Amino acid sequence: LCFGGPYQINSAKGGFLKWRRGVNLKRFIQITAVSPIAQDFGVEVGMRAADAKAICPGLEVLDDKPGRQRKLLQGLGEWCVRYSPIVAIDEFGMNGLLMDVSGCCHLWGGERNYLKEIVSRLKSKGYTVRLAIADTPGAAWAVSRFGKITPLIPPGEQVDALLGLIPDALRLQDNVLAKLRKLGFYQIKSFIGMPRSVLRRRFGEDFLLRLAQAIGTENEVLMPLKVPVPFSERLACLEPIRTRNAIEIAINKLLDQLCRRMQTEGKGLRTGLLTCYRIDGKIVKVDIGTSGASHSAGHLFKLFQLKIDQIRPALGIELFVLDAPKVDDVQVPQEEMWTSTPGLDDQGLIRLLDRVAGKVGPQVIHRYLPATKYWPERSVLRAVSVTDKSQVSWRTSKPRPTELLKNPVPIEVMAIIPDHPPKFFIYKGVRHIIAKADGPERIEREWWLDQGEHRDYYQVEDEQGGRYWLFRSGHYGGEQTYKWFIHGFFA
């Protein structure tokens, strides 16, 4: 299916600069888009706005902002996802959309009703469009813009539909079109039967590519606005849905279908996205995440239940799309009858974490694993899921603080040199008199990662009973510089 361009309602202006020999910089307004009504008065793209106003009294001129046309097509394309999962912007001319409608038309009672539905909906929103359906994007593009008989091209008949059209229907460059007209080729049938070698020599390789894409001997890949995910389900509603109960029923149906597919392939959902298309053109999205891969429809439904209040149906929702952008393999844990402490393999714990994350946000739940690093701030690794396993064990031979700062914070210290622990230190403007201390523990810098001094760590306790992890970077004495830092707090 090809959209033959959404037309601009009014003409637009775009100021540009032009240099002239011996003359100051000049600025004038040039027409970049014209409405059909203005075209009837003789206004054309490229004309100066002053000349256009002279031949069309009462002409309304609007500012043309860079990128507005693509933004408009982007919005229309996202709206059209309700009719096809694959919607792409027509990059040639930037005035239309291309859609892969395979397996979609029967949902609206056939191709004719399918086109009628799209045209009427867009017309109600103020857009005038031309549509066509053909076996190839190139043929649909040509018929939607230059066809005069029918927008529905039967399977295998795209070549016959192209024969009577002008060469402009092949999406060719202006210089190639000029050559064709100069040689008297005013219709595609005038040159479609000529040898490829002759056409290549006269018009170039791009000409042959466009011709082959239109007739179907060369595949044309569409770049969809939204890349379909492997696990996705759609639910079109016969009547617009507005109530919470109806939304829950729709989510349940989608989850049942999605989880059944994932279960057969041994996959589980990690992130889920529910997209609701309202009849007023607005799109509402809610998403969920899980700590571990899950294909339990009941558990996933409870997570979506926490987000239903965020769905504003307004006049009603006509289409639901449930995507699983991220899935993982589901590891079925081995059940042991003689133990009652499965730990992180307990599915009840995983579901509890998912529900807590759904209420307060996933950013408040963290799990860390030991990493093969010596530097303290690099010795922990953020786990992606509850089921992640570490390749090394936690180091327990040396005491480590309960709370480790992400980055060491400089402090002011008074210490007896050369290697005695500090007598007191000042942190955030508060002086801490040290009563007890233990250390030093030297940790060398990882020279294969960066250069710098080693660290000498001390465990200290102040007179109020607070325990801290301090370190000195570098040696005392000579020309070497040293600094003191606080890096953590003990319980």
Protein backbone atom coordinates (compact mmCIF):
# COMPACT_ATOMS: atom_id res chain seq x y z
CA LEU A 1 0.00 0.00 0.00
CA CYS A 2 1.32 3.46 -0.86
CA PHE A 3 0.03 6.81 0.36
CA GLY A 4 0.13 9.46 -2.33
CA GLY A 5 1.29 12.28 -0.15
CA PRO A 6 -0.55 14.27 2.50
CA TYR A 7 -1.06 17.66 0.87
CA GLN A 8 -0.31 20.91 2.72
CA ILE A 9 -3.47 22.89 3.42
CA ASN A 10 -1.83 26.25 2.81
CA SER A 11 1.24 27.46 0.98
CA ALA A 12 4.42 27.96 2.98
CA LYS A 13 7.44 30.18 2.84
CA GLY A 14 11.13 29.50 3.31
CA GLY A 15 13.56 32.42 3.33
CA PHE A 16 16.94 31.78 1.72
CA LEU A 17 19.96 33.93 0.96
CA LYS A 18 21.46 34.74 -2.42
CA TRP A 19 24.64 36.60 -3.31
CA ARG A 20 24.90 38.92 -6.31
CA ARG A 21 28.02 40.51 -7.73
CA GLY A 22 28.34 44.06 -6.44
CA VAL A 23 25.02 43.90 -4.59
CA ASN A 24 24.36 43.50 -0.89
CA LEU A 25 22.93 40.30 0.53
CA LYS A 26 19.32 39.81 -0.66
CA ARG A 27 16.50 37.94 1.07
CA PHE A 28 13.20 36.93 -0.42
CA ILE A 29 10.42 34.44 0.33
CA GLN A 30 10.04 31.36 -1.85
CA ILE A 31 7.11 28.94 -2.00
CA THR A 32 8.05 25.40 -0.86
CA ALA A 33 4.59 23.76 -0.71
CA VAL A 34 1.25 24.59 -2.29
CA SER A 35 -2.31 23.54 -1.49
CA PRO A 36 -4.56 22.22 -4.32
CA ILE A 37 -6.70 25.37 -4.18
CA ALA A 38 -3.63 27.60 -4.61
CA GLN A 39 -2.47 25.41 -7.51
CA ASP A 40 -5.74 26.13 -9.31
CA PHE A 41 -4.79 29.84 -9.27
CA GLY A 42 -1.42 29.08 -10.87
CA VAL A 43 0.77 29.15 -7.75
CA GLU A 44 3.73 26.77 -8.07
CA VAL A 45 6.53 25.50 -5.88
CA GLY A 46 9.65 27.67 -6.32
CA MET A 47 7.68 30.84 -7.04
CA ARG A 48 8.31 33.97 -5.00
CA ALA A 49 5.64 34.70 -2.42
CA ALA A 50 5.18 38.25 -3.76
CA ASP A 51 4.39 36.91 -7.24
CA ALA A 52 2.05 34.28 -5.78
CA LYS A 53 0.07 36.92 -3.86
CA ALA A 54 -0.24 38.97 -7.01
CA ILE A 55 -1.99 36.18 -8.95
CA CYS A 56 -3.93 34.77 -5.96
CA PRO A 57 -5.60 37.50 -3.85
CA GLY A 58 -6.12 36.52 -0.23
CA LEU A 59 -3.39 33.86 -0.30
CA GLU A 60 -2.37 32.76 3.18
CA VAL A 61 1.36 32.25 3.70
CA LEU A 62 2.74 30.17 6.58
CA ASP A 63 6.31 29.70 7.80
CA ASP A 64 7.95 26.48 6.67
CA LYS A 65 10.04 25.12 9.57
CA PRO A 66 12.88 22.69 8.77
CA GLY A 67 11.95 19.07 9.41
CA ARG A 68 8.22 19.77 9.72
CA GLN A 69 7.30 17.56 6.76
CA ARG A 70 9.18 14.54 8.11
CA LYS A 71 7.74 15.12 11.56
CA LEU A 72 4.25 15.12 10.04
CA LEU A 73 4.93 11.91 8.13
CA GLN A 74 6.41 10.36 11.27
CA GLY A 75 3.24 11.12 13.21
CA LEU A 76 0.98 9.83 10.43
CA GLY A 77 3.10 6.69 10.14
CA GLU A 78 2.81 5.95 13.85
CA TRP A 79 -0.93 6.50 13.60
CA CYS A 80 -1.12 4.06 10.65
CA VAL A 81 0.43 1.24 12.69
CA ARG A 82 -3.16 0.34 13.57
CA TYR A 83 -3.59 -0.74 9.92
CA SER A 84 -0.24 -2.48 9.40
CA PRO A 85 2.74 -3.32 11.65
CA ILE A 86 5.21 -2.24 8.92
CA VAL A 87 4.94 1.44 7.97
CA ALA A 88 7.80 3.32 6.29
CA ILE A 89 8.30 6.91 5.16
CA ASP A 90 8.64 7.40 1.41
CA GLU A 91 12.15 8.85 1.23
CA PHE A 92 11.72 9.86 -2.43
CA GLY A 93 10.13 13.28 -2.23
CA MET A 94 9.16 12.93 1.44
CA ASN A 95 5.47 13.16 0.61
CA GLY A 96 3.99 9.76 1.39
CA LEU A 97 4.04 6.49 3.30
CA LEU A 98 4.68 2.88 2.26
CA MET A 99 3.02 -0.01 4.09
CA ASP A 100 3.28 -3.77 3.92
CA VAL A 101 -0.37 -4.82 4.14
CA SER A 102 0.14 -8.57 3.69
CA GLY A 103 -2.45 -10.34 5.82
CA CYS A 104 -4.10 -7.12 7.00
CA CYS A 105 -6.85 -6.31 4.50
CA HIS A 106 -9.15 -9.20 5.43
CA LEU A 107 -9.57 -7.70 8.91
CA TRP A 108 -11.54 -4.87 7.28
CA GLY A 109 -13.47 -7.05 4.83
CA GLY A 110 -11.13 -6.90 1.85
CA GLU A 111 -8.81 -4.48 0.07
CA ARG A 112 -11.53 -2.09 -1.11
CA ASN A 113 -13.02 -1.67 2.37
CA TYR A 114 -9.50 -1.41 3.75
CA LEU A 115 -8.67 1.56 1.51
CA LYS A 116 -12.07 3.14 2.15
CA GLU A 117 -11.52 2.96 5.91
CA ILE A 118 -8.10 4.64 5.74
CA VAL A 119 -9.21 7.37 3.32
CA SER A 120 -12.32 8.25 5.34
CA ARG A 121 -10.41 8.37 8.63
CA LEU A 122 -7.69 10.62 7.21
CA LYS A 123 -10.23 12.80 5.43
CA SER A 124 -12.05 13.35 8.73
CA LYS A 125 -8.74 14.70 10.11
CA GLY A 126 -8.26 17.15 7.23
CA TYR A 127 -5.93 15.19 4.93
CA THR A 128 -6.42 14.53 1.23
CA VAL A 129 -4.63 11.36 0.15
CA ARG A 130 -4.43 8.91 -2.74
CA LEU A 131 -3.82 5.24 -2.07
CA ALA A 132 -2.97 2.18 -4.13
CA ILE A 133 -2.28 -1.49 -3.46
CA ALA A 134 0.09 -3.51 -5.65
CA ASP A 135 2.57 -6.36 -5.41
CA THR A 136 5.57 -4.00 -5.24
CA PRO A 137 6.16 -0.70 -3.42
CA GLY A 138 7.29 0.89 -6.68
CA ALA A 139 4.10 -0.02 -8.51
CA ALA A 140 1.91 1.14 -5.60
CA TRP A 141 3.85 4.42 -5.50
CA ALA A 142 3.33 4.96 -9.24
CA VAL A 143 -0.38 4.13 -9.30
CA SER A 144 -1.19 6.22 -6.22
CA ARG A 145 0.28 9.33 -7.86
CA PHE A 146 -0.26 8.86 -11.60
CA GLY A 147 -2.87 6.10 -11.98
CA LYS A 148 -6.30 7.04 -13.33
CA ILE A 149 -8.20 3.74 -13.51
CA THR A 150 -8.15 1.78 -10.22
CA PRO A 151 -6.04 1.88 -7.06
CA LEU A 152 -6.30 -1.91 -6.67
CA ILE A 153 -3.81 -3.73 -8.86
CA PRO A 154 -4.51 -7.49 -9.05
CA PRO A 155 -1.63 -9.83 -8.15
CA GLY A 156 0.90 -10.20 -10.97
CA GLU A 157 -0.51 -7.34 -13.05
CA GLN A 158 1.73 -4.49 -11.88
CA VAL A 159 3.55 -4.39 -15.25
CA ASP A 160 0.31 -3.80 -17.18
CA ALA A 161 -0.63 -1.06 -14.71
CA LEU A 162 2.67 0.74 -15.35
CA LEU A 163 2.70 0.68 -19.14
CA GLY A 164 0.43 3.70 -19.69
CA LEU A 165 2.03 5.89 -17.00
CA ILE A 166 4.58 8.64 -17.58
CA PRO A 167 8.27 8.05 -16.66
CA ASP A 168 7.85 10.24 -13.54
CA ALA A 169 6.06 7.26 -11.97
CA LEU A 170 9.38 5.39 -11.65
CA ARG A 171 10.86 7.76 -9.03
CA LEU A 172 13.65 8.94 -11.34
CA GLN A 173 15.94 11.94 -11.00
CA ASP A 174 15.15 15.12 -12.91
CA ASN A 175 18.12 14.79 -15.27
CA VAL A 176 17.05 11.27 -16.27
CA LEU A 177 13.48 12.42 -16.85
CA ALA A 178 14.77 15.24 -19.04
CA LYS A 179 16.71 12.74 -21.19
CA LEU A 180 13.64 10.53 -21.58
CA ARG A 181 11.48 13.43 -22.73
CA LYS A 182 14.16 14.61 -25.11
CA LEU A 183 14.20 11.15 -26.74
CA GLY A 184 10.41 11.09 -27.00
CA PHE A 185 9.74 8.52 -24.25
CA TYR A 186 6.53 9.93 -22.76
CA GLN A 187 5.18 6.61 -21.46
CA ILE A 188 6.82 3.66 -19.70
CA LYS A 189 5.68 1.29 -22.44
CA SER A 190 7.88 3.24 -24.88
CA PHE A 191 11.10 1.89 -23.36
CA ILE A 192 10.22 -0.98 -21.03
CA GLY A 193 10.93 -3.55 -23.76
CA MET A 194 14.34 -2.14 -24.75
CA PRO A 195 17.53 -4.14 -23.97
CA ARG A 196 18.98 -3.52 -20.52
CA SER A 197 22.41 -2.75 -21.95
CA VAL A 198 20.96 0.10 -24.02
CA LEU A 199 19.04 1.52 -21.07
CA ARG A 200 22.06 1.26 -18.78
CA ARG A 201 24.31 3.03 -21.28
CA ARG A 202 21.88 5.91 -21.80
CA PHE A 203 20.28 6.38 -18.37
CA GLY A 204 22.51 4.69 -15.78
CA GLU A 205 22.24 1.89 -13.25
CA ASP A 206 19.82 3.72 -10.95
CA PHE A 207 17.30 3.86 -13.77
CA LEU A 208 17.37 0.07 -14.16
CA LEU A 209 17.07 -0.39 -10.39
CA ARG A 210 13.95 1.76 -10.16
CA LEU A 211 12.38 0.00 -13.13
CA ALA A 212 13.17 -3.44 -11.67
CA GLN A 213 11.75 -2.47 -8.27
CA ALA A 214 8.52 -1.31 -9.86
CA ILE A 215 7.92 -4.44 -11.96
CA GLY A 216 9.07 -6.81 -9.20
CA THR A 217 12.31 -8.31 -10.51
CA GLU A 218 14.30 -6.54 -7.77
CA ASN A 219 13.32 -6.56 -4.10
CA GLU A 220 12.81 -3.25 -2.31
CA VAL A 221 13.33 -3.30 1.44
CA LEU A 222 11.17 -1.01 3.53
CA MET A 223 12.69 0.64 6.60
CA PRO A 224 9.79 0.62 9.08
CA LEU A 225 9.30 3.43 11.56
CA LYS A 226 8.81 0.83 14.25
CA VAL A 227 10.79 -2.36 13.80
CA PRO A 228 8.48 -5.29 14.67
CA VAL A 229 9.70 -7.37 17.59
CA PRO A 230 9.65 -11.18 17.38
CA PHE A 231 7.11 -11.46 20.21
CA SER A 232 4.18 -9.14 19.56
CA GLU A 233 0.39 -9.49 19.70
CA ARG A 234 -2.36 -7.21 18.34
CA LEU A 235 -6.00 -6.96 19.41
CA ALA A 236 -8.38 -4.87 17.30
CA CYS A 237 -11.64 -3.90 19.03
CA LEU A 238 -15.01 -4.07 17.30
CA GLU A 239 -16.19 -1.17 19.45
CA PRO A 240 -14.02 1.45 21.20
CA ILE A 241 -13.05 0.39 24.73
CA ARG A 242 -13.40 2.87 27.58
CA THR A 243 -13.84 0.98 30.87
CA ARG A 244 -11.18 -0.48 33.18
CA ASN A 245 -12.84 -3.90 33.09
CA ALA A 246 -12.70 -4.00 29.28
CA ILE A 247 -9.04 -2.93 29.30
CA GLU A 248 -8.22 -5.75 31.75
CA ILE A 249 -9.98 -8.27 29.49
CA ALA A 250 -7.96 -7.03 26.49
CA ILE A 251 -4.66 -7.29 28.40
CA ASN A 252 -5.55 -10.80 29.57
CA LYS A 253 -6.22 -11.95 26.01
CA LEU A 254 -2.98 -10.47 24.73
CA LEU A 255 -0.95 -12.00 27.57
CA ASP A 256 -2.49 -15.44 27.05
CA GLN A 257 -1.48 -15.40 23.37
CA LEU A 258 1.97 -13.93 24.00
CA CYS A 259 2.86 -16.23 26.90
CA ARG A 260 1.70 -19.29 24.96
CA ARG A 261 4.13 -18.40 22.15
CA MET A 262 7.00 -17.68 24.52
CA GLN A 263 6.44 -20.89 26.44
CA THR A 264 6.64 -23.04 23.30
CA GLU A 265 10.03 -21.44 22.50
CA GLY A 266 11.38 -21.55 26.05
CA LYS A 267 11.42 -17.76 26.38
CA GLY A 268 10.26 -15.39 29.08
CA LEU A 269 9.41 -11.70 29.13
CA ARG A 270 11.87 -9.24 30.68
CA THR A 271 10.30 -5.99 29.41
CA GLY A 272 6.77 -5.55 28.10
CA LEU A 273 5.21 -2.58 26.27
CA LEU A 274 1.46 -2.09 25.87
CA THR A 275 0.49 0.45 23.20
CA CYS A 276 -3.11 1.68 23.08
CA TYR A 277 -4.37 3.45 19.94
CA ARG A 278 -7.29 5.76 20.69
CA ILE A 279 -9.91 6.76 18.14
CA ASP A 280 -8.92 10.42 18.51
CA GLY A 281 -5.46 9.58 17.11
CA LYS A 282 -3.61 9.68 20.42
CA ILE A 283 -1.30 6.85 21.47
CA VAL A 284 -0.95 5.74 25.10
CA LYS A 285 1.91 3.50 26.25
CA VAL A 286 2.63 1.66 29.50
CA ASP A 287 5.53 -0.67 30.18
CA ILE A 288 6.55 -3.27 32.75
CA GLY A 289 9.77 -5.07 33.65
CA THR A 290 10.62 -8.29 35.43
CA SER A 291 13.59 -9.34 37.56
CA GLY A 292 13.71 -12.68 35.77
CA ALA A 293 12.33 -14.09 32.54
CA SER A 294 8.67 -15.07 32.96
CA HIS A 295 5.92 -16.45 30.74
CA SER A 296 3.33 -16.59 33.50
CA ALA A 297 0.29 -14.71 32.20
CA GLY A 298 -1.15 -14.34 35.70
CA HIS A 299 2.01 -12.78 37.11
CA LEU A 300 2.48 -10.41 34.16
CA PHE A 301 -1.17 -9.36 34.35
CA LYS A 302 -0.71 -8.29 37.98
CA LEU A 303 2.18 -6.05 36.87
CA PHE A 304 0.04 -4.43 34.18
CA GLN A 305 -2.79 -4.00 36.68
CA LEU A 306 -0.59 -1.56 38.57
CA LYS A 307 -0.32 0.59 35.43
CA ILE A 308 -3.94 0.55 34.19
CA ASP A 309 -4.68 3.86 35.92
CA GLN A 310 -2.13 5.47 33.59
CA ILE A 311 -4.21 4.49 30.53
CA ARG A 312 -6.56 7.32 29.60
CA PRO A 313 -9.04 5.88 27.07
CA ALA A 314 -10.81 9.23 26.40
CA LEU A 315 -13.37 8.51 23.65
CA GLY A 316 -12.20 4.90 23.41
CA ILE A 317 -9.36 2.59 22.41
CA GLU A 318 -9.66 0.77 19.08
CA LEU A 319 -6.40 -1.21 19.02
CA PHE A 320 -4.08 -2.80 21.60
CA VAL A 321 -0.54 -3.90 20.73
CA LEU A 322 1.53 -5.85 23.27
CA ASP A 323 5.26 -6.12 22.53
CA ALA A 324 8.04 -7.96 24.36
CA PRO A 325 11.14 -5.98 23.27
CA LYS A 326 13.40 -7.99 25.60
CA VAL A 327 13.07 -11.70 26.30
CA ASP A 328 15.42 -14.23 27.91
CA ASP A 329 15.64 -17.98 28.11
CA VAL A 330 13.58 -19.38 30.95
CA GLN A 331 15.66 -21.57 33.27
CA VAL A 332 13.38 -23.99 35.07
CA PRO A 333 14.90 -24.54 38.55
CA GLN A 334 15.36 -28.07 39.83
CA GLU A 335 12.96 -28.65 42.71
CA GLU A 336 14.35 -30.21 45.89
CA MET A 337 11.94 -31.82 48.31
CA TRP A 338 14.38 -31.71 51.22
CA THR A 339 15.08 -27.98 51.27
CA SER A 340 12.84 -25.04 52.10
CA THR A 341 15.34 -22.26 51.33
CA PRO A 342 15.60 -21.98 47.53
CA GLY A 343 17.00 -18.44 47.85
CA LEU A 344 17.02 -16.41 44.66
CA ASP A 345 15.56 -19.34 42.73
CA ASP A 346 12.31 -18.92 44.65
CA GLN A 347 9.71 -17.77 42.11
CA GLY A 348 7.71 -16.18 44.92
CA LEU A 349 10.64 -13.86 45.71
CA ILE A 350 11.06 -12.92 42.05
CA ARG A 351 7.36 -12.09 41.71
CA LEU A 352 7.47 -10.03 44.91
CA LEU A 353 10.38 -7.99 43.55
CA ASP A 354 8.50 -7.43 40.28
CA ARG A 355 5.43 -6.11 42.09
CA VAL A 356 7.50 -3.83 44.32
CA ALA A 357 9.30 -2.50 41.23
CA GLY A 358 5.94 -1.94 39.55
CA LYS A 359 4.76 0.24 42.46
CA VAL A 360 7.87 2.26 43.34
CA GLY A 361 9.96 1.86 40.18
CA PRO A 362 12.72 -0.57 39.15
CA GLN A 363 15.43 2.00 39.93
CA VAL A 364 15.07 1.42 43.70
CA ILE A 365 15.95 -2.29 43.55
CA HIS A 366 19.59 -3.21 43.05
CA ARG A 367 21.58 -6.41 43.18
CA TYR A 368 25.37 -6.58 42.98
CA LEU A 369 27.85 -9.31 42.19
CA PRO A 370 31.60 -9.48 42.85
CA ALA A 371 33.83 -8.45 39.96
CA THR A 372 37.40 -9.48 39.20
CA LYS A 373 38.86 -6.05 40.09
CA TYR A 374 41.16 -4.88 42.87
CA TRP A 375 40.11 -1.24 43.09
CA PRO A 376 37.20 -1.13 45.63
CA GLU A 377 34.83 0.96 43.47
CA ARG A 378 35.39 -1.47 40.59
CA SER A 379 35.07 -4.65 42.66
CA VAL A 380 31.27 -4.81 42.42
CA LEU A 381 29.16 -5.39 39.32
CA ARG A 382 25.51 -4.42 38.83
CA ALA A 383 23.42 -7.52 38.16
CA VAL A 384 21.00 -7.38 35.26
CA SER A 385 18.56 -9.89 36.73
CA VAL A 386 18.01 -12.01 39.81
CA THR A 387 19.19 -15.12 37.97
CA ASP A 388 22.62 -13.71 37.06
CA LYS A 389 25.50 -15.78 38.46
CA SER A 390 28.97 -14.57 39.38
CA GLN A 391 32.17 -16.22 38.17
CA VAL A 392 34.02 -15.35 41.41
CA SER A 393 33.17 -15.34 45.12
CA TRP A 394 32.89 -12.37 47.43
CA ARG A 395 36.20 -11.53 49.13
CA THR A 396 35.84 -12.07 52.90
CA SER A 397 39.48 -12.17 53.99
CA LYS A 398 39.52 -8.39 54.58
CA PRO A 399 36.78 -6.27 56.20
CA ARG A 400 34.91 -4.00 53.86
CA PRO A 401 32.48 -1.15 54.69
CA THR A 402 28.74 -1.69 54.70
CA GLU A 403 28.25 1.40 52.54
CA LEU A 404 30.83 2.08 49.83
CA LEU A 405 30.81 5.51 48.21
CA LYS A 406 30.60 5.51 44.44
CA ASN A 407 33.64 7.81 44.29
CA PRO A 408 36.07 8.66 47.14
CA VAL A 409 35.53 12.11 48.68
CA PRO A 410 38.53 14.32 49.63
CA ILE A 411 38.87 15.14 53.35
CA GLU A 412 41.17 17.21 55.54
CA VAL A 413 43.34 15.11 57.87
CA MET A 414 45.89 15.62 60.65
CA ALA A 415 48.18 12.58 60.95
CA ILE A 416 51.57 11.74 62.50
CA ILE A 417 53.99 10.92 59.68
CA PRO A 418 55.10 8.75 58.06
CA ASP A 419 52.57 5.90 58.32
CA HIS A 420 50.47 6.55 61.40
CA PRO A 421 46.67 6.68 61.15
CA PRO A 422 45.01 10.12 61.30
CA LYS A 423 44.37 11.89 64.61
CA PHE A 424 41.27 13.59 63.26
CA PHE A 425 39.62 14.34 59.91
CA ILE A 426 37.10 16.89 58.65
CA TYR A 427 34.27 15.62 56.46
CA LYS A 428 31.46 17.91 55.26
CA GLY A 429 32.56 20.57 57.74
CA VAL A 430 32.40 18.25 60.78
CA ARG A 431 35.54 17.35 62.74
CA HIS A 432 35.85 13.70 63.78
CA ILE A 433 38.34 12.93 66.59
CA ILE A 434 39.68 9.43 66.05
CA ALA A 435 39.71 7.13 69.09
CA LYS A 436 40.67 3.84 67.46
CA ALA A 437 42.30 2.89 64.16
CA ASP A 438 43.50 -0.18 62.29
CA GLY A 439 45.72 -0.38 59.21
CA PRO A 440 47.17 0.34 56.80
CA GLU A 441 45.98 -2.05 54.09
CA ARG A 442 47.75 -1.26 50.85
CA ILE A 443 45.85 -1.69 47.56
CA GLU A 444 47.96 -1.16 44.47
CA ARG A 445 46.54 0.66 41.46
CA GLU A 446 45.52 -1.48 38.46
CA TRP A 447 48.30 -0.29 36.18
CA TRP A 448 46.79 -2.02 33.12
CA LEU A 449 43.72 0.23 33.42
CA ASP A 450 45.19 3.60 34.48
CA GLN A 451 48.24 5.22 36.05
CA GLY A 452 48.59 6.76 39.50
CA GLU A 453 49.48 6.22 43.14
CA HIS A 454 48.62 3.31 45.39
CA ARG A 455 46.22 3.58 48.33
CA ASP A 456 46.79 2.90 52.06
CA TYR A 457 43.41 2.19 53.72
CA TYR A 458 42.63 2.66 57.46
CA GLN A 459 39.61 1.61 59.49
CA VAL A 460 38.97 4.32 62.03
CA GLU A 461 36.44 4.93 64.82
CA ASP A 462 35.67 8.39 66.16
CA GLU A 463 34.72 9.36 69.72
CA GLN A 464 30.99 9.10 68.92
CA GLY A 465 31.38 5.47 67.78
CA GLY A 466 31.13 6.08 64.03
CA ARG A 467 33.41 3.87 61.93
CA TYR A 468 34.86 5.01 58.61
CA TRP A 469 37.08 3.73 55.81
CA LEU A 470 39.80 6.26 54.96
CA PHE A 471 42.80 6.06 52.67
CA ARG A 472 45.89 8.03 51.76
CA SER A 473 46.79 8.18 48.09
CA GLY A 474 50.56 8.13 47.60
CA HIS A 475 53.60 8.37 49.93
CA TYR A 476 54.67 10.99 52.43
CA GLY A 477 57.89 12.91 51.87
CA GLY A 478 60.01 14.31 49.04
CA GLU A 479 58.40 16.00 46.09
CA GLN A 480 55.50 13.51 46.01
CA THR A 481 52.02 14.75 46.76
CA TYR A 482 49.50 12.84 48.79
CA LYS A 483 45.82 13.29 49.59
CA TRP A 484 43.35 11.77 52.03
CA PHE A 485 39.91 10.48 51.10
CA ILE A 486 36.89 8.88 52.77
CA HIS A 487 35.56 5.87 50.87
CA GLY A 488 32.95 4.17 53.03
CA PHE A 489 31.10 3.67 56.30
CA PHE A 490 31.00 0.61 58.55
CA ALA A 491 27.84 -0.44 60.38
